[in-house]
């Protein structure tokens, strides 16, 4: 995985069909801009367990 900024992780999550918030209580307590790979249940140890980040990022930058 590339070294991505928080804004890039937010953009990727907004394009990801598999984005699943860690918990609805957690995301409701944050701002509307809380959709990010960092708040996704598939994001563990700074990696996507579905291995989608690079693919989505590459599609966004083409």
N, C-alpha and C. Protein backbone atom coordinates (compact mmCIF):
# COMPACT_ATOMS: atom_id res chain seq x y z
N UNK A 1 0.84 -1.18 0.00
CA UNK A 1 0.00 0.00 0.00
C UNK A 1 0.89 1.24 0.00
N UNK A 2 0.46 2.21 -0.75
CA UNK A 2 1.17 3.48 -0.82
C UNK A 2 1.01 4.23 0.50
N UNK A 3 1.89 5.18 0.75
CA UNK A 3 1.79 6.02 1.94
C UNK A 3 0.80 7.14 1.62
N UNK A 4 -0.42 7.02 2.08
CA UNK A 4 -1.50 7.94 1.70
C UNK A 4 -1.83 8.92 2.83
N UNK A 5 -2.29 10.09 2.43
CA UNK A 5 -2.70 11.11 3.39
C UNK A 5 -4.11 10.80 3.90
N UNK A 6 -4.49 11.47 4.96
CA UNK A 6 -5.85 11.29 5.49
C UNK A 6 -6.91 11.69 4.47
N UNK A 7 -6.65 12.75 3.72
CA UNK A 7 -7.64 13.18 2.72
C UNK A 7 -7.76 12.15 1.61
N UNK A 8 -6.67 11.49 1.26
CA UNK A 8 -6.73 10.43 0.25
C UNK A 8 -7.50 9.22 0.78
N UNK A 9 -7.30 8.88 2.06
CA UNK A 9 -8.03 7.77 2.66
C UNK A 9 -9.53 8.06 2.73
N UNK A 10 -9.88 9.32 2.94
CA UNK A 10 -11.30 9.71 2.94
C UNK A 10 -11.88 9.58 1.54
N UNK A 11 -11.13 10.03 0.54
CA UNK A 11 -11.61 9.95 -0.85
C UNK A 11 -11.76 8.49 -1.28
N UNK A 12 -10.82 7.66 -0.90
CA UNK A 12 -10.90 6.24 -1.24
C UNK A 12 -12.11 5.60 -0.59
N UNK A 13 -12.33 5.86 0.69
CA UNK A 13 -13.47 5.28 1.40
C UNK A 13 -14.79 5.72 0.77
N UNK A 14 -14.86 6.95 0.31
CA UNK A 14 -16.10 7.43 -0.29
C UNK A 14 -16.39 6.73 -1.63
N UNK A 15 -15.36 6.15 -2.24
CA UNK A 15 -15.52 5.43 -3.51
C UNK A 15 -15.63 3.91 -3.31
N UNK A 16 -15.44 3.44 -2.10
CA UNK A 16 -15.37 2.01 -1.84
C UNK A 16 -16.76 1.41 -1.58
N UNK A 17 -17.10 0.40 -2.36
CA UNK A 17 -18.41 -0.26 -2.19
C UNK A 17 -18.42 -1.17 -0.96
N UNK A 18 -17.26 -1.47 -0.41
CA UNK A 18 -17.16 -2.35 0.76
C UNK A 18 -16.95 -1.59 2.06
N UNK A 19 -17.00 -0.25 2.00
CA UNK A 19 -16.81 0.55 3.22
C UNK A 19 -17.87 0.18 4.25
N UNK A 20 -17.41 -0.14 5.45
CA UNK A 20 -18.30 -0.53 6.54
C UNK A 20 -17.77 0.11 7.82
N UNK A 21 -18.47 1.10 8.37
CA UNK A 21 -17.97 1.78 9.57
C UNK A 21 -17.74 0.80 10.72
N UNK A 22 -16.74 1.08 11.52
CA UNK A 22 -16.41 0.23 12.66
C UNK A 22 -17.65 0.07 13.54
N UNK A 23 -18.33 1.18 13.82
CA UNK A 23 -19.61 1.10 14.55
C UNK A 23 -20.40 2.36 14.26
N UNK A 24 -21.70 2.24 14.23
CA UNK A 24 -22.53 3.41 13.95
C UNK A 24 -22.44 4.43 15.07
N UNK A 25 -22.25 4.00 16.31
CA UNK A 25 -22.10 4.92 17.44
C UNK A 25 -20.83 5.75 17.28
N UNK A 26 -19.75 5.11 16.85
CA UNK A 26 -18.48 5.80 16.66
C UNK A 26 -18.59 6.85 15.58
N UNK A 27 -19.15 6.51 14.43
CA UNK A 27 -19.20 7.46 13.33
C UNK A 27 -20.22 8.56 13.57
N UNK A 28 -21.29 8.28 14.33
CA UNK A 28 -22.27 9.33 14.58
C UNK A 28 -21.72 10.40 15.52
N UNK A 29 -20.71 10.06 16.30
CA UNK A 29 -20.14 11.04 17.22
C UNK A 29 -19.10 11.92 16.55
N UNK A 30 -18.73 11.58 15.32
CA UNK A 30 -17.75 12.36 14.58
C UNK A 30 -18.45 13.29 13.59
N UNK A 31 -17.67 14.11 12.94
CA UNK A 31 -18.23 15.02 11.95
C UNK A 31 -18.71 14.25 10.73
N UNK A 32 -19.39 14.94 9.82
CA UNK A 32 -19.89 14.31 8.60
C UNK A 32 -18.77 13.79 7.71
N UNK A 33 -17.58 14.31 7.89
CA UNK A 33 -16.44 13.90 7.07
C UNK A 33 -15.74 12.67 7.66
N UNK A 34 -16.45 11.87 8.46
CA UNK A 34 -15.81 10.74 9.14
C UNK A 34 -15.62 9.52 8.25
N UNK A 35 -16.19 9.50 7.06
CA UNK A 35 -15.99 8.37 6.17
C UNK A 35 -14.54 8.36 5.72
N UNK A 36 -13.83 7.34 6.14
CA UNK A 36 -12.41 7.20 5.83
C UNK A 36 -12.03 5.75 5.98
N UNK A 37 -10.99 5.34 5.30
CA UNK A 37 -10.49 3.98 5.50
C UNK A 37 -10.19 3.75 6.97
N UNK A 38 -9.76 4.80 7.65
CA UNK A 38 -9.40 4.68 9.07
C UNK A 38 -10.59 4.36 9.96
N UNK A 39 -11.81 4.60 9.50
CA UNK A 39 -13.01 4.31 10.29
C UNK A 39 -13.76 3.09 9.75
N UNK A 40 -13.12 2.35 8.86
CA UNK A 40 -13.74 1.17 8.26
C UNK A 40 -13.35 -0.09 9.02
N UNK A 41 -14.30 -1.00 9.15
CA UNK A 41 -14.03 -2.25 9.88
C UNK A 41 -13.03 -3.14 9.16
N UNK A 42 -12.81 -2.91 7.87
CA UNK A 42 -11.85 -3.70 7.10
C UNK A 42 -10.44 -3.13 7.16
N UNK A 43 -10.26 -2.02 7.86
CA UNK A 43 -8.95 -1.37 7.98
C UNK A 43 -8.32 -1.78 9.30
N UNK A 44 -7.33 -2.66 9.24
CA UNK A 44 -6.69 -3.21 10.44
C UNK A 44 -5.18 -3.03 10.32
N UNK A 45 -4.57 -2.50 11.35
CA UNK A 45 -3.12 -2.26 11.36
C UNK A 45 -2.67 -1.47 10.13
N UNK A 46 -3.42 -0.43 9.82
CA UNK A 46 -3.13 0.48 8.70
C UNK A 46 -3.12 -0.20 7.33
N UNK A 47 -3.92 -1.29 7.22
CA UNK A 47 -4.05 -2.01 5.95
C UNK A 47 -5.50 -2.41 5.75
N UNK A 48 -5.91 -2.46 4.49
CA UNK A 48 -7.25 -2.94 4.15
C UNK A 48 -7.19 -4.46 4.07
N UNK A 49 -8.01 -5.12 4.88
CA UNK A 49 -8.01 -6.58 4.87
C UNK A 49 -8.56 -7.15 3.57
N UNK A 50 -9.27 -6.33 2.80
CA UNK A 50 -9.79 -6.74 1.50
C UNK A 50 -8.84 -6.37 0.36
N UNK A 51 -7.76 -5.68 0.70
CA UNK A 51 -6.73 -5.26 -0.26
C UNK A 51 -7.32 -4.42 -1.40
N UNK A 52 -8.14 -3.44 -1.05
CA UNK A 52 -8.82 -2.62 -2.06
C UNK A 52 -8.24 -1.22 -2.21
N UNK A 53 -7.47 -0.75 -1.26
CA UNK A 53 -7.02 0.64 -1.26
C UNK A 53 -6.23 1.00 -2.51
N UNK A 54 -5.22 0.20 -2.84
CA UNK A 54 -4.40 0.51 -4.01
C UNK A 54 -5.21 0.48 -5.29
N UNK A 55 -6.09 -0.49 -5.42
CA UNK A 55 -6.92 -0.61 -6.61
C UNK A 55 -7.83 0.61 -6.77
N UNK A 56 -8.49 1.02 -5.70
CA UNK A 56 -9.38 2.19 -5.77
C UNK A 56 -8.57 3.45 -6.03
N UNK A 57 -7.43 3.59 -5.35
CA UNK A 57 -6.59 4.77 -5.55
C UNK A 57 -6.13 4.86 -7.01
N UNK A 58 -5.67 3.75 -7.57
CA UNK A 58 -5.22 3.73 -8.96
C UNK A 58 -6.34 4.10 -9.91
N UNK A 59 -7.56 3.62 -9.66
CA UNK A 59 -8.71 3.96 -10.50
C UNK A 59 -9.05 5.45 -10.40
N UNK A 60 -8.86 6.02 -9.21
CA UNK A 60 -9.18 7.44 -9.01
C UNK A 60 -8.16 8.35 -9.71
N UNK A 61 -6.93 7.89 -9.83
CA UNK A 61 -5.87 8.74 -10.37
C UNK A 61 -5.63 8.52 -11.87
N UNK A 62 -6.38 7.63 -12.49
CA UNK A 62 -6.22 7.40 -13.93
C UNK A 62 -6.82 8.51 -14.74
